[in-house]
Amino acid sequence: MIVALETVEELNEIKKYLPKEIYLEISDGRVGLIMNKGATKWNGIKELLKQYKIKSEETIAFGDDNNDIEMIEKCGIGIAMENGIDEIKNKAKYICGENENDGIANWIEENILENV
């Protein structure tokens, strides 16, 4: 579920009513994402790694917001978007261009395809 948030007080008020298996995360500084604790990007990646027998060190993750931090930390190469929040940029190995300027495509072209 997605909720619009105006203040931190609203965030704290909503959190009081959530059962323990549900969490509220802030995205883009003003949007609240209410999700099951098991519904994370990293958990999805882990399932794919298991299914395809790939090591996490062999993966690349791109992210720009709070809900991307775990996968940026746990994938082999974590890449933050230039327009991402400071916390994710501090945890990433690399920073690529902005979403709006084909940052991911440019990084892949410059760092992977040129070496093929």
PDB file of N, CA and C in Angstrom:
ATOM      1  N   MET A   1       0.844  -1.153   0.000  1.00  0.00           N
ATOM      2  CA  MET A   1       0.000   0.000   0.000  1.00  0.00           C
ATOM      3  C   MET A   1       0.902   1.233   0.000  1.00  0.00           C
ATOM      4  N   ILE A   2       0.492   2.250  -0.699  1.00  0.00           N
ATOM      5  CA  ILE A   2       1.244   3.503  -0.769  1.00  0.00           C
ATOM      6  C   ILE A   2       0.415   4.595  -0.111  1.00  0.00           C
ATOM      7  N   VAL A   3       1.063   5.378   0.763  1.00  0.00           N
ATOM      8  CA  VAL A   3       0.383   6.493   1.415  1.00  0.00           C
ATOM      9  C   VAL A   3       1.227   7.749   1.278  1.00  0.00           C
ATOM     10  N   ALA A   4       0.556   8.874   1.098  1.00  0.00           N
ATOM     11  CA  ALA A   4       1.245  10.162   1.037  1.00  0.00           C
ATOM     12  C   ALA A   4       1.454  10.656   2.461  1.00  0.00           C
ATOM     13  N   LEU A   5       2.652  11.126   2.746  1.00  0.00           N
ATOM     14  CA  LEU A   5       2.981  11.615   4.081  1.00  0.00           C
ATOM     15  C   LEU A   5       3.418  13.066   4.010  1.00  0.00           C
ATOM     16  N   GLU A   6       2.921  13.840   4.931  1.00  0.00           N
ATOM     17  CA  GLU A   6       3.299  15.251   5.000  1.00  0.00           C
ATOM     18  C   GLU A   6       4.311  15.499   6.115  1.00  0.00           C
ATOM     19  N   THR A   7       4.210  14.725   7.211  1.00  0.00           N
ATOM     20  CA  THR A   7       5.063  14.973   8.369  1.00  0.00           C
ATOM     21  C   THR A   7       5.559  13.665   8.973  1.00  0.00           C
ATOM     22  N   VAL A   8       6.593  13.771   9.801  1.00  0.00           N
ATOM     23  CA  VAL A   8       7.112  12.617  10.525  1.00  0.00           C
ATOM     24  C   VAL A   8       6.068  12.123  11.526  1.00  0.00           C
ATOM     25  N   GLU A   9       5.299  13.036  12.064  1.00  0.00           N
ATOM     26  CA  GLU A   9       4.249  12.654  13.001  1.00  0.00           C
ATOM     27  C   GLU A   9       3.242  11.709  12.347  1.00  0.00           C
ATOM     28  N   GLU A  10       2.903  11.969  11.092  1.00  0.00           N
ATOM     29  CA  GLU A  10       1.994  11.075  10.365  1.00  0.00           C
ATOM     30  C   GLU A  10       2.608   9.684  10.229  1.00  0.00           C
ATOM     31  N   LEU A  11       3.872   9.642   9.932  1.00  0.00           N
ATOM     32  CA  LEU A  11       4.585   8.378   9.816  1.00  0.00           C
ATOM     33  C   LEU A  11       4.485   7.595  11.126  1.00  0.00           C
ATOM     34  N   ASN A  12       4.809   8.246  12.224  1.00  0.00           N
ATOM     35  CA  ASN A  12       4.773   7.587  13.525  1.00  0.00           C
ATOM     36  C   ASN A  12       3.362   7.165  13.910  1.00  0.00           C
ATOM     37  N   GLU A  13       2.370   7.934  13.546  1.00  0.00           N
ATOM     38  CA  GLU A  13       0.973   7.591  13.848  1.00  0.00           C
ATOM     39  C   GLU A  13       0.559   6.326  13.095  1.00  0.00           C
ATOM     40  N   ILE A  14       0.932   6.229  11.840  1.00  0.00           N
ATOM     41  CA  ILE A  14       0.593   5.047  11.037  1.00  0.00           C
ATOM     42  C   ILE A  14       1.305   3.811  11.583  1.00  0.00           C
ATOM     43  N   LYS A  15       2.584   3.958  11.936  1.00  0.00           N
ATOM     44  CA  LYS A  15       3.376   2.825  12.423  1.00  0.00           C
ATOM     45  C   LYS A  15       2.743   2.178  13.654  1.00  0.00           C
ATOM     46  N   LYS A  16       2.085   2.962  14.474  1.00  0.00           N
ATOM     47  CA  LYS A  16       1.469   2.429  15.697  1.00  0.00           C
ATOM     48  C   LYS A  16       0.422   1.361  15.400  1.00  0.00           C
ATOM     49  N   TYR A  17      -0.210   1.416  14.244  1.00  0.00           N
ATOM     50  CA  TYR A  17      -1.307   0.516  13.914  1.00  0.00           C
ATOM     51  C   TYR A  17      -0.899  -0.696  13.064  1.00  0.00           C
ATOM     52  N   LEU A  18       0.366  -0.763  12.704  1.00  0.00           N
ATOM     53  CA  LEU A  18       0.816  -1.852  11.829  1.00  0.00           C
ATOM     54  C   LEU A  18       1.190  -3.094  12.636  1.00  0.00           C
ATOM     55  N   PRO A  19       0.749  -4.267  12.204  1.00  0.00           N
ATOM     56  CA  PRO A  19       1.170  -5.496  12.880  1.00  0.00           C
ATOM     57  C   PRO A  19       2.672  -5.728  12.672  1.00  0.00           C
ATOM     58  N   LYS A  20       3.263  -6.584  13.501  1.00  0.00           N
ATOM     59  CA  LYS A  20       4.718  -6.766  13.477  1.00  0.00           C
ATOM     60  C   LYS A  20       5.263  -7.296  12.154  1.00  0.00           C
ATOM     61  N   GLU A  21       4.456  -7.991  11.359  1.00  0.00           N
ATOM     62  CA  GLU A  21       4.950  -8.534  10.088  1.00  0.00           C
ATOM     63  C   GLU A  21       4.873  -7.522   8.937  1.00  0.00           C
ATOM     64  N   ILE A  22       4.411  -6.333   9.241  1.00  0.00           N
ATOM     65  CA  ILE A  22       4.268  -5.268   8.247  1.00  0.00           C
ATOM     66  C   ILE A  22       5.195  -4.112   8.627  1.00  0.00           C
ATOM     67  N   TYR A  23       5.767  -3.452   7.627  1.00  0.00           N
ATOM     68  CA  TYR A  23       6.599  -2.286   7.933  1.00  0.00           C
ATOM     69  C   TYR A  23       6.250  -1.127   7.011  1.00  0.00           C
ATOM     70  N   LEU A  24       6.631   0.049   7.437  1.00  0.00           N
ATOM     71  CA  LEU A  24       6.416   1.275   6.677  1.00  0.00           C
ATOM     72  C   LEU A  24       7.776   1.855   6.360  1.00  0.00           C
ATOM     73  N   GLU A  25       8.011   2.112   5.088  1.00  0.00           N
ATOM     74  CA  GLU A  25       9.276   2.669   4.631  1.00  0.00           C
ATOM     75  C   GLU A  25       8.998   3.939   3.853  1.00  0.00           C
ATOM     76  N   ILE A  26       9.878   4.912   3.991  1.00  0.00           N
ATOM     77  CA  ILE A  26       9.717   6.165   3.272  1.00  0.00           C
ATOM     78  C   ILE A  26      10.480   6.092   1.954  1.00  0.00           C
ATOM     79  N   SER A  27       9.842   6.524   0.897  1.00  0.00           N
ATOM     80  CA  SER A  27      10.459   6.582  -0.419  1.00  0.00           C
ATOM     81  C   SER A  27      10.279   7.993  -0.963  1.00  0.00           C
ATOM     82  N   ASP A  28      11.297   8.501  -1.570  1.00  0.00           N
ATOM     83  CA  ASP A  28      11.250   9.828  -2.185  1.00  0.00           C
ATOM     84  C   ASP A  28      10.932  10.911  -1.153  1.00  0.00           C
ATOM     85  N   GLY A  29      11.208  10.628   0.108  1.00  0.00           N
ATOM     86  CA  GLY A  29      11.050  11.619   1.157  1.00  0.00           C
ATOM     87  C   GLY A  29       9.631  11.973   1.548  1.00  0.00           C
ATOM     88  N   ARG A  30       8.638  11.441   0.850  1.00  0.00           N
ATOM     89  CA  ARG A  30       7.261  11.837   1.145  1.00  0.00           C
ATOM     90  C   ARG A  30       6.221  10.749   0.885  1.00  0.00           C
ATOM     91  N   VAL A  31       6.648   9.621   0.390  1.00  0.00           N
ATOM     92  CA  VAL A  31       5.723   8.541   0.089  1.00  0.00           C
ATOM     93  C   VAL A  31       6.001   7.389   1.048  1.00  0.00           C
ATOM     94  N   GLY A  32       4.962   6.911   1.710  1.00  0.00           N
ATOM     95  CA  GLY A  32       5.105   5.778   2.603  1.00  0.00           C
ATOM     96  C   GLY A  32       4.716   4.499   1.886  1.00  0.00           C
ATOM     97  N   LEU A  33       5.569   3.495   1.971  1.00  0.00           N
ATOM     98  CA  LEU A  33       5.295   2.191   1.374  1.00  0.00           C
ATOM     99  C   LEU A  33       5.035   1.220   2.522  1.00  0.00           C
ATOM    100  N   ILE A  34       3.839   0.678   2.593  1.00  0.00           N
ATOM    101  CA  ILE A  34       3.481  -0.282   3.632  1.00  0.00           C
ATOM    102  C   ILE A  34       3.534  -1.665   3.012  1.00  0.00           C
ATOM    103  N   MET A  35       4.437  -2.511   3.564  1.00  0.00           N
ATOM    104  CA  MET A  35       4.675  -3.811   2.947  1.00  0.00           C
ATOM    105  C   MET A  35       4.909  -4.885   4.003  1.00  0.00           C
ATOM    106  N   ASN A  36       4.773  -6.120   3.583  1.00  0.00           N
ATOM    107  CA  ASN A  36       5.144  -7.246   4.405  1.00  0.00           C
ATOM    108  C   ASN A  36       6.660  -7.238   4.542  1.00  0.00           C
ATOM    109  N   LYS A  37       7.173  -7.582   5.717  1.00  0.00           N
ATOM    110  CA  LYS A  37       8.620  -7.544   5.953  1.00  0.00           C
ATOM    111  C   LYS A  37       9.398  -8.463   5.012  1.00  0.00           C
ATOM    112  N   GLY A  38       8.753  -9.476   4.471  1.00  0.00           N
ATOM    113  CA  GLY A  38       9.430 -10.371   3.535  1.00  0.00           C
ATOM    114  C   GLY A  38       9.470  -9.847   2.117  1.00  0.00           C
ATOM    115  N   ALA A  39       8.729  -8.789   1.829  1.00  0.00           N
ATOM    116  CA  ALA A  39       8.638  -8.251   0.469  1.00  0.00           C
ATOM    117  C   ALA A  39       9.691  -7.165   0.259  1.00  0.00           C
ATOM    118  N   THR A  40      10.954  -7.600   0.137  1.00  0.00           N
ATOM    119  CA  THR A  40      12.029  -6.653  -0.109  1.00  0.00           C
ATOM    120  C   THR A  40      12.703  -6.982  -1.437  1.00  0.00           C
ATOM    121  N   LYS A  41      13.388  -6.021  -1.978  1.00  0.00           N
ATOM    122  CA  LYS A  41      14.109  -6.260  -3.229  1.00  0.00           C
ATOM    123  C   LYS A  41      15.197  -7.302  -3.021  1.00  0.00           C
ATOM    124  N   TRP A  42      15.892  -7.236  -1.888  1.00  0.00           N
ATOM    125  CA  TRP A  42      16.945  -8.210  -1.630  1.00  0.00           C
ATOM    126  C   TRP A  42      16.379  -9.623  -1.541  1.00  0.00           C
ATOM    127  N   ASN A  43      15.225  -9.802  -0.901  1.00  0.00           N
ATOM    128  CA  ASN A  43      14.629 -11.135  -0.834  1.00  0.00           C
ATOM    129  C   ASN A  43      14.280 -11.656  -2.225  1.00  0.00           C
ATOM    130  N   GLY A  44      13.809 -10.799  -3.096  1.00  0.00           N
ATOM    131  CA  GLY A  44      13.534 -11.200  -4.474  1.00  0.00           C
ATOM    132  C   GLY A  44      14.805 -11.611  -5.200  1.00  0.00           C
ATOM    133  N   ILE A  45      15.862 -10.850  -5.004  1.00  0.00           N
ATOM    134  CA  ILE A  45      17.148 -11.177  -5.628  1.00  0.00           C
ATOM    135  C   ILE A  45      17.670 -12.508  -5.095  1.00  0.00           C
ATOM    136  N   LYS A  46      17.559 -12.728  -3.794  1.00  0.00           N
ATOM    137  CA  LYS A  46      18.023 -13.990  -3.202  1.00  0.00           C
ATOM    138  C   LYS A  46      17.317 -15.189  -3.831  1.00  0.00           C
ATOM    139  N   GLU A  47      16.025 -15.067  -4.069  1.00  0.00           N
ATOM    140  CA  GLU A  47      15.284 -16.166  -4.697  1.00  0.00           C
ATOM    141  C   GLU A  47      15.800 -16.443  -6.108  1.00  0.00           C
ATOM    142  N   LEU A  48      16.061 -15.384  -6.863  1.00  0.00           N
ATOM    143  CA  LEU A  48      16.605 -15.561  -8.214  1.00  0.00           C
ATOM    144  C   LEU A  48      18.001 -16.171  -8.174  1.00  0.00           C
ATOM    145  N   LEU A  49      18.820 -15.726  -7.231  1.00  0.00           N
ATOM    146  CA  LEU A  49      20.170 -16.285  -7.107  1.00  0.00           C
ATOM    147  C   LEU A  49      20.109 -17.774  -6.827  1.00  0.00           C
ATOM    148  N   LYS A  50      19.210 -18.163  -5.946  1.00  0.00           N
ATOM    149  CA  LYS A  50      19.058 -19.578  -5.602  1.00  0.00           C
ATOM    150  C   LYS A  50      18.563 -20.374  -6.812  1.00  0.00           C
ATOM    151  N   GLN A  51      17.562 -19.839  -7.487  1.00  0.00           N
ATOM    152  CA  GLN A  51      16.981 -20.548  -8.631  1.00  0.00           C
ATOM    153  C   GLN A  51      17.987 -20.746  -9.756  1.00  0.00           C
ATOM    154  N   TYR A  52      18.793 -19.712 -10.020  1.00  0.00           N
ATOM    155  CA  TYR A  52      19.735 -19.783 -11.141  1.00  0.00           C
ATOM    156  C   TYR A  52      21.162 -20.137 -10.718  1.00  0.00           C
ATOM    157  N   LYS A  53      21.338 -20.455  -9.425  1.00  0.00           N
ATOM    158  CA  LYS A  53      22.635 -20.865  -8.891  1.00  0.00           C
ATOM    159  C   LYS A  53      23.726 -19.825  -9.193  1.00  0.00           C
ATOM    160  N   ILE A  54      23.422 -18.592  -8.843  1.00  0.00           N
ATOM    161  CA  ILE A  54      24.345 -17.473  -9.032  1.00  0.00           C
ATOM    162  C   ILE A  54      24.770 -16.981  -7.655  1.00  0.00           C
ATOM    163  N   LYS A  55      26.022 -16.610  -7.507  1.00  0.00           N
ATOM    164  CA  LYS A  55      26.528 -16.056  -6.250  1.00  0.00           C
ATOM    165  C   LYS A  55      26.209 -14.568  -6.188  1.00  0.00           C
ATOM    166  N   SER A  56      25.939 -14.070  -5.000  1.00  0.00           N
ATOM    167  CA  SER A  56      25.617 -12.643  -4.851  1.00  0.00           C
ATOM    168  C   SER A  56      26.777 -11.759  -5.311  1.00  0.00           C
ATOM    169  N   GLU A  57      28.007 -12.278  -5.186  1.00  0.00           N
ATOM    170  CA  GLU A  57      29.177 -11.507  -5.635  1.00  0.00           C
ATOM    171  C   GLU A  57      29.173 -11.276  -7.151  1.00  0.00           C
ATOM    172  N   GLU A  58      28.374 -12.060  -7.873  1.00  0.00           N
ATOM    173  CA  GLU A  58      28.311 -11.959  -9.328  1.00  0.00           C
ATOM    174  C   GLU A  58      27.174 -11.057  -9.800  1.00  0.00           C
ATOM    175  N   THR A  59      26.587 -10.301  -8.888  1.00  0.00           N
ATOM    176  CA  THR A  59      25.430  -9.470  -9.247  1.00  0.00           C
ATOM    177  C   THR A  59      25.744  -7.985  -9.134  1.00  0.00           C
ATOM    178  N   ILE A  60      24.944  -7.209  -9.831  1.00  0.00           N
ATOM    179  CA  ILE A  60      25.020  -5.754  -9.779  1.00  0.00           C
ATOM    180  C   ILE A  60      23.625  -5.246  -9.433  1.00  0.00           C
ATOM    181  N   ALA A  61      23.569  -4.281  -8.530  1.00  0.00           N
ATOM    182  CA  ALA A  61      22.287  -3.666  -8.176  1.00  0.00           C
ATOM    183  C   ALA A  61      22.404  -2.157  -8.332  1.00  0.00           C
ATOM    184  N   PHE A  62      21.364  -1.563  -8.892  1.00  0.00           N
ATOM    185  CA  PHE A  62      21.276  -0.111  -9.035  1.00  0.00           C
ATOM    186  C   PHE A  62      20.164   0.372  -8.119  1.00  0.00           C
ATOM    187  N   GLY A  63      20.380   1.480  -7.423  1.00  0.00           N
ATOM    188  CA  GLY A  63      19.340   1.983  -6.548  1.00  0.00           C
ATOM    189  C   GLY A  63      19.462   3.470  -6.288  1.00  0.00           C
ATOM    190  N   ASP A  64      18.366   4.031  -5.773  1.00  0.00           N
ATOM    191  CA  ASP A  64      18.371   5.464  -5.505  1.00  0.00           C
ATOM    192  C   ASP A  64      17.676   5.875  -4.210  1.00  0.00           C
ATOM    193  N   ASP A  65      17.051   4.921  -3.497  1.00  0.00           N
ATOM    194  CA  ASP A  65      16.266   5.312  -2.331  1.00  0.00           C
ATOM    195  C   ASP A  65      16.407   4.297  -1.201  1.00  0.00           C
ATOM    196  N   ASN A  66      15.740   4.569  -0.099  1.00  0.00           N
ATOM    197  CA  ASN A  66      15.839   3.735   1.105  1.00  0.00           C
ATOM    198  C   ASN A  66      15.572   2.258   0.839  1.00  0.00           C
ATOM    199  N   ASN A  67      14.600   1.957   0.008  1.00  0.00           N
ATOM    200  CA  ASN A  67      14.241   0.553  -0.214  1.00  0.00           C
ATOM    201  C   ASN A  67      15.266  -0.190  -1.072  1.00  0.00           C
ATOM    202  N   ASP A  68      16.311   0.474  -1.494  1.00  0.00           N
ATOM    203  CA  ASP A  68      17.371  -0.148  -2.293  1.00  0.00           C
ATOM    204  C   ASP A  68      18.650  -0.416  -1.497  1.00  0.00           C
ATOM    205  N   ILE A  69      18.732   0.098  -0.289  1.00  0.00           N
ATOM    206  CA  ILE A  69      19.977   0.035   0.484  1.00  0.00           C
ATOM    207  C   ILE A  69      20.438  -1.391   0.723  1.00  0.00           C
ATOM    208  N   GLU A  70      19.551  -2.267   1.155  1.00  0.00           N
ATOM    209  CA  GLU A  70      19.952  -3.640   1.466  1.00  0.00           C
ATOM    210  C   GLU A  70      20.549  -4.340   0.249  1.00  0.00           C
ATOM    211  N   MET A  71      19.922  -4.196  -0.916  1.00  0.00           N
ATOM    212  CA  MET A  71      20.459  -4.883  -2.094  1.00  0.00           C
ATOM    213  C   MET A  71      21.766  -4.232  -2.550  1.00  0.00           C
ATOM    214  N   ILE A  72      21.914  -2.933  -2.382  1.00  0.00           N
ATOM    215  CA  ILE A  72      23.168  -2.255  -2.733  1.00  0.00           C
ATOM    216  C   ILE A  72      24.309  -2.787  -1.872  1.00  0.00           C
ATOM    217  N   GLU A  73      24.017  -3.027  -0.596  1.00  0.00           N
ATOM    218  CA  GLU A  73      25.039  -3.541   0.319  1.00  0.00           C
ATOM    219  C   GLU A  73      25.378  -5.000   0.058  1.00  0.00           C
ATOM    220  N   LYS A  74      24.399  -5.808  -0.344  1.00  0.00           N
ATOM    221  CA  LYS A  74      24.597  -7.258  -0.407  1.00  0.00           C
ATOM    222  C   LYS A  74      24.922  -7.808  -1.786  1.00  0.00           C
ATOM    223  N   CYS A  75      24.651  -7.069  -2.841  1.00  0.00           N
ATOM    224  CA  CYS A  75      25.033  -7.537  -4.176  1.00  0.00           C
ATOM    225  C   CYS A  75      26.529  -7.305  -4.381  1.00  0.00           C
ATOM    226  N   GLY A  76      27.092  -7.985  -5.343  1.00  0.00           N
ATOM    227  CA  GLY A  76      28.521  -7.873  -5.601  1.00  0.00           C
ATOM    228  C   GLY A  76      28.972  -6.453  -5.873  1.00  0.00           C
ATOM    229  N   ILE A  77      28.230  -5.756  -6.705  1.00  0.00           N
ATOM    230  CA  ILE A  77      28.539  -4.359  -7.002  1.00  0.00           C
ATOM    231  C   ILE A  77      27.261  -3.556  -6.783  1.00  0.00           C
ATOM    232  N   GLY A  78      27.322  -2.610  -5.868  1.00  0.00           N
ATOM    233  CA  GLY A  78      26.192  -1.721  -5.615  1.00  0.00           C
ATOM    234  C   GLY A  78      26.450  -0.374  -6.253  1.00  0.00           C
ATOM    235  N   ILE A  79      25.490   0.072  -7.043  1.00  0.00           N
ATOM    236  CA  ILE A  79      25.647   1.328  -7.787  1.00  0.00           C
ATOM    237  C   ILE A  79      24.481   2.244  -7.451  1.00  0.00           C
ATOM    238  N   ALA A  80      24.799   3.438  -7.000  1.00  0.00           N
ATOM    239  CA  ALA A  80      23.775   4.426  -6.675  1.00  0.00           C
ATOM    240  C   ALA A  80      23.562   5.358  -7.857  1.00  0.00           C
ATOM    241  N   MET A  81      22.341   5.790  -7.962  1.00  0.00           N
ATOM    242  CA  MET A  81      22.016   6.781  -8.986  1.00  0.00           C
ATOM    243  C   MET A  81      22.480   8.155  -8.501  1.00  0.00           C
ATOM    244  N   GLU A  82      22.947   8.966  -9.408  1.00  0.00           N
ATOM    245  CA  GLU A  82      23.420  10.303  -9.077  1.00  0.00           C
ATOM    246  C   GLU A  82      22.341  11.127  -8.362  1.00  0.00           C
ATOM    247  N   ASN A  83      21.085  10.903  -8.723  1.00  0.00           N
ATOM    248  CA  ASN A  83      19.985  11.631  -8.107  1.00  0.00           C
ATOM    249  C   ASN A  83      19.436  10.915  -6.871  1.00  0.00           C
ATOM    250  N   GLY A  84      20.149   9.884  -6.393  1.00  0.00           N
ATOM    251  CA  GLY A  84      19.714   9.134  -5.225  1.00  0.00           C
ATOM    252  C   GLY A  84      19.973   9.869  -3.930  1.00  0.00           C
ATOM    253  N   ILE A  85      19.452   9.292  -2.843  1.00  0.00           N
ATOM    254  CA  ILE A  85      19.654   9.895  -1.522  1.00  0.00           C
ATOM    255  C   ILE A  85      21.106   9.687  -1.089  1.00  0.00           C
ATOM    256  N   ASP A  86      21.584  10.558  -0.211  1.00  0.00           N
ATOM    257  CA  ASP A  86      22.981  10.500   0.231  1.00  0.00           C
ATOM    258  C   ASP A  86      23.321   9.174   0.897  1.00  0.00           C
ATOM    259  N   GLU A  87      22.412   8.622   1.676  1.00  0.00           N
ATOM    260  CA  GLU A  87      22.691   7.373   2.378  1.00  0.00           C
ATOM    261  C   GLU A  87      23.042   6.245   1.411  1.00  0.00           C
ATOM    262  N   ILE A  88      22.347   6.158   0.306  1.00  0.00           N
ATOM    263  CA  ILE A  88      22.645   5.085  -0.648  1.00  0.00           C
ATOM    264  C   ILE A  88      23.938   5.380  -1.412  1.00  0.00           C
ATOM    265  N   LYS A  89      24.199   6.637  -1.691  1.00  0.00           N
ATOM    266  CA  LYS A  89      25.452   6.985  -2.371  1.00  0.00           C
ATOM    267  C   LYS A  89      26.651   6.642  -1.493  1.00  0.00           C
ATOM    268  N   ASN A  90      26.507   6.811  -0.183  1.00  0.00           N
ATOM    269  CA  ASN A  90      27.598   6.499   0.739  1.00  0.00           C
ATOM    270  C   ASN A  90      27.864   4.998   0.836  1.00  0.00           C
ATOM    271  N   LYS A  91      26.884   4.173   0.566  1.00  0.00           N
ATOM    272  CA  LYS A  91      27.027   2.719   0.672  1.00  0.00           C
ATOM    273  C   LYS A  91      27.419   2.064  -0.653  1.00  0.00           C
ATOM    274  N   ALA A  92      27.226   2.750  -1.750  1.00  0.00           N
ATOM    275  CA  ALA A  92      27.482   2.185  -3.077  1.00  0.00           C
ATOM    276  C   ALA A  92      28.974   2.189  -3.421  1.00  0.00           C
ATOM    277  N   LYS A  93      29.344   1.226  -4.250  1.00  0.00           N
ATOM    278  CA  LYS A  93      30.722   1.163  -4.744  1.00  0.00           C
ATOM    279  C   LYS A  93      30.939   2.210  -5.840  1.00  0.00           C
ATOM    280  N   TYR A  94      29.906   2.420  -6.660  1.00  0.00           N
ATOM    281  CA  TYR A  94      29.968   3.389  -7.756  1.00  0.00           C
ATOM    282  C   TYR A  94      28.707   4.247  -7.752  1.00  0.00           C
ATOM    283  N   ILE A  95      28.816   5.363  -8.427  1.00  0.00           N
ATOM    284  CA  ILE A  95      27.648   6.222  -8.659  1.00  0.00           C
ATOM    285  C   ILE A  95      27.546   6.427 -10.159  1.00  0.00           C
ATOM    286  N   CYS A  96      26.357   6.184 -10.701  1.00  0.00           N
ATOM    287  CA  CYS A  96      26.145   6.379 -12.133  1.00  0.00           C
ATOM    288  C   CYS A  96      25.267   7.614 -12.345  1.00  0.00           C
ATOM    289  N   GLY A  97      24.995   7.930 -13.579  1.00  0.00           N
ATOM    290  CA  GLY A  97      24.190   9.100 -13.907  1.00  0.00           C
ATOM    291  C   GLY A  97      22.761   9.002 -13.377  1.00  0.00           C
ATOM    292  N   GLU A  98      22.015  10.036 -13.590  1.00  0.00           N
ATOM    293  CA  GLU A  98      20.639  10.127 -13.101  1.00  0.00           C
ATOM    294  C   GLU A  98      19.691   9.212 -13.877  1.00  0.00           C
ATOM    295  N   ASN A  99      18.586   8.869 -13.248  1.00  0.00           N
ATOM    296  CA  ASN A  99      17.539   8.071 -13.894  1.00  0.00           C
ATOM    297  C   ASN A  99      17.091   8.706 -15.204  1.00  0.00           C
ATOM    298  N   GLU A 100      16.853   9.995 -15.154  1.00  0.00           N
ATOM    299  CA  GLU A 100      16.287  10.709 -16.307  1.00  0.00           C
ATOM    300  C   GLU A 100      17.259  10.827 -17.479  1.00  0.00           C
ATOM    301  N   ASN A 101      18.533  10.548 -17.231  1.00  0.00           N
ATOM    302  CA  ASN A 101      19.545  10.684 -18.283  1.00  0.00           C
ATOM    303  C   ASN A 101      20.199   9.352 -18.629  1.00  0.00           C
ATOM    304  N   ASP A 102      19.423   8.261 -18.558  1.00  0.00           N
ATOM    305  CA  ASP A 102      19.909   6.930 -18.935  1.00  0.00           C
ATOM    306  C   ASP A 102      21.140   6.497 -18.147  1.00  0.00           C
ATOM    307  N   GLY A 103      21.178   6.851 -16.864  1.00  0.00           N
ATOM    308  CA  GLY A 103      22.335   6.534 -16.029  1.00  0.00           C
ATOM    309  C   GLY A 103      22.701   5.067 -16.006  1.00  0.00           C
ATOM    310  N   ILE A 104      21.716   4.190 -15.865  1.00  0.00           N
ATOM    311  CA  ILE A 104      21.998   2.756 -15.805  1.00  0.00           C
ATOM    312  C   ILE A 104      22.516   2.259 -17.152  1.00  0.00           C
ATOM    313  N   ALA A 105      21.840   2.618 -18.220  1.00  0.00           N
ATOM    314  CA  ALA A 105      22.260   2.177 -19.555  1.00  0.00           C
ATOM    315  C   ALA A 105      23.678   2.665 -19.866  1.00  0.00           C
ATOM    316  N   ASN A 106      23.977   3.897 -19.537  1.00  0.00           N
ATOM    317  CA  ASN A 106      25.315   4.432 -19.797  1.00  0.00           C
ATOM    318  C   ASN A 106      26.374   3.699 -18.979  1.00  0.00           C
ATOM    319  N   TRP A 107      26.072   3.393 -17.697  1.00  0.00           N
ATOM    320  CA  TRP A 107      27.034   2.678 -16.867  1.00  0.00           C
ATOM    321  C   TRP A 107      27.295   1.290 -17.428  1.00  0.00           C
ATOM    322  N   ILE A 108      26.253   0.594 -17.807  1.00  0.00           N
ATOM    323  CA  ILE A 108      26.414  -0.750 -18.374  1.00  0.00           C
ATOM    324  C   ILE A 108      27.226  -0.692 -19.662  1.00  0.00           C
ATOM    325  N   GLU A 109      26.922   0.256 -20.517  1.00  0.00           N
ATOM    326  CA  GLU A 109      27.653   0.386 -21.776  1.00  0.00           C
ATOM    327  C   GLU A 109      29.135   0.662 -21.529  1.00  0.00           C
ATOM    328  N   GLU A 110      29.431   1.587 -20.605  1.00  0.00           N
ATOM    329  CA  GLU A 110      30.821   1.985 -20.353  1.00  0.00           C
ATOM    330  C   GLU A 110      31.614   0.951 -19.560  1.00  0.00           C
ATOM    331  N   ASN A 111      30.968   0.207 -18.692  1.00  0.00           N
ATOM    332  CA  ASN A 111      31.692  -0.657 -17.776  1.00  0.00           C
ATOM    333  C   ASN A 111      31.567  -2.151 -18.083  1.00  0.00           C
ATOM    334  N   ILE A 112      30.587  -2.528 -18.882  1.00  0.00           N
ATOM    335  CA  ILE A 112      30.423  -3.947 -19.185  1.00  0.00           C
ATOM    336  C   ILE A 112      30.519  -4.203 -20.682  1.00  0.00           C
ATOM    337  N   LEU A 113      29.719  -3.534 -21.466  1.00  0.00           N
ATOM    338  CA  LEU A 113      29.671  -3.824 -22.906  1.00  0.00           C
ATOM    339  C   LEU A 113      30.962  -3.453 -23.630  1.00  0.00           C
ATOM    340  N   GLU A 114      31.648  -2.414 -23.171  1.00  0.00           N
ATOM    341  CA  GLU A 114      32.900  -2.056 -23.829  1.00  0.00           C
ATOM    342  C   GLU A 114      33.978  -3.114 -23.590  1.00  0.00           C
ATOM    343  N   ASN A 115      33.793  -3.947 -22.570  1.00  0.00           N
ATOM    344  CA  ASN A 115      34.782  -4.984 -22.241  1.00  0.00           C
ATOM    345  C   ASN A 115      34.421  -6.347 -22.831  1.00  0.00           C
ATOM    346  N   VAL A 116      33.347  -6.413 -23.590  1.00  0.00           N
ATOM    347  CA  VAL A 116      32.916  -7.697 -24.157  1.00  0.00           C
ATOM    348  C   VAL A 116      33.531  -7.895 -25.517  1.00  0.00           C
TER     349      VAL A 116
END
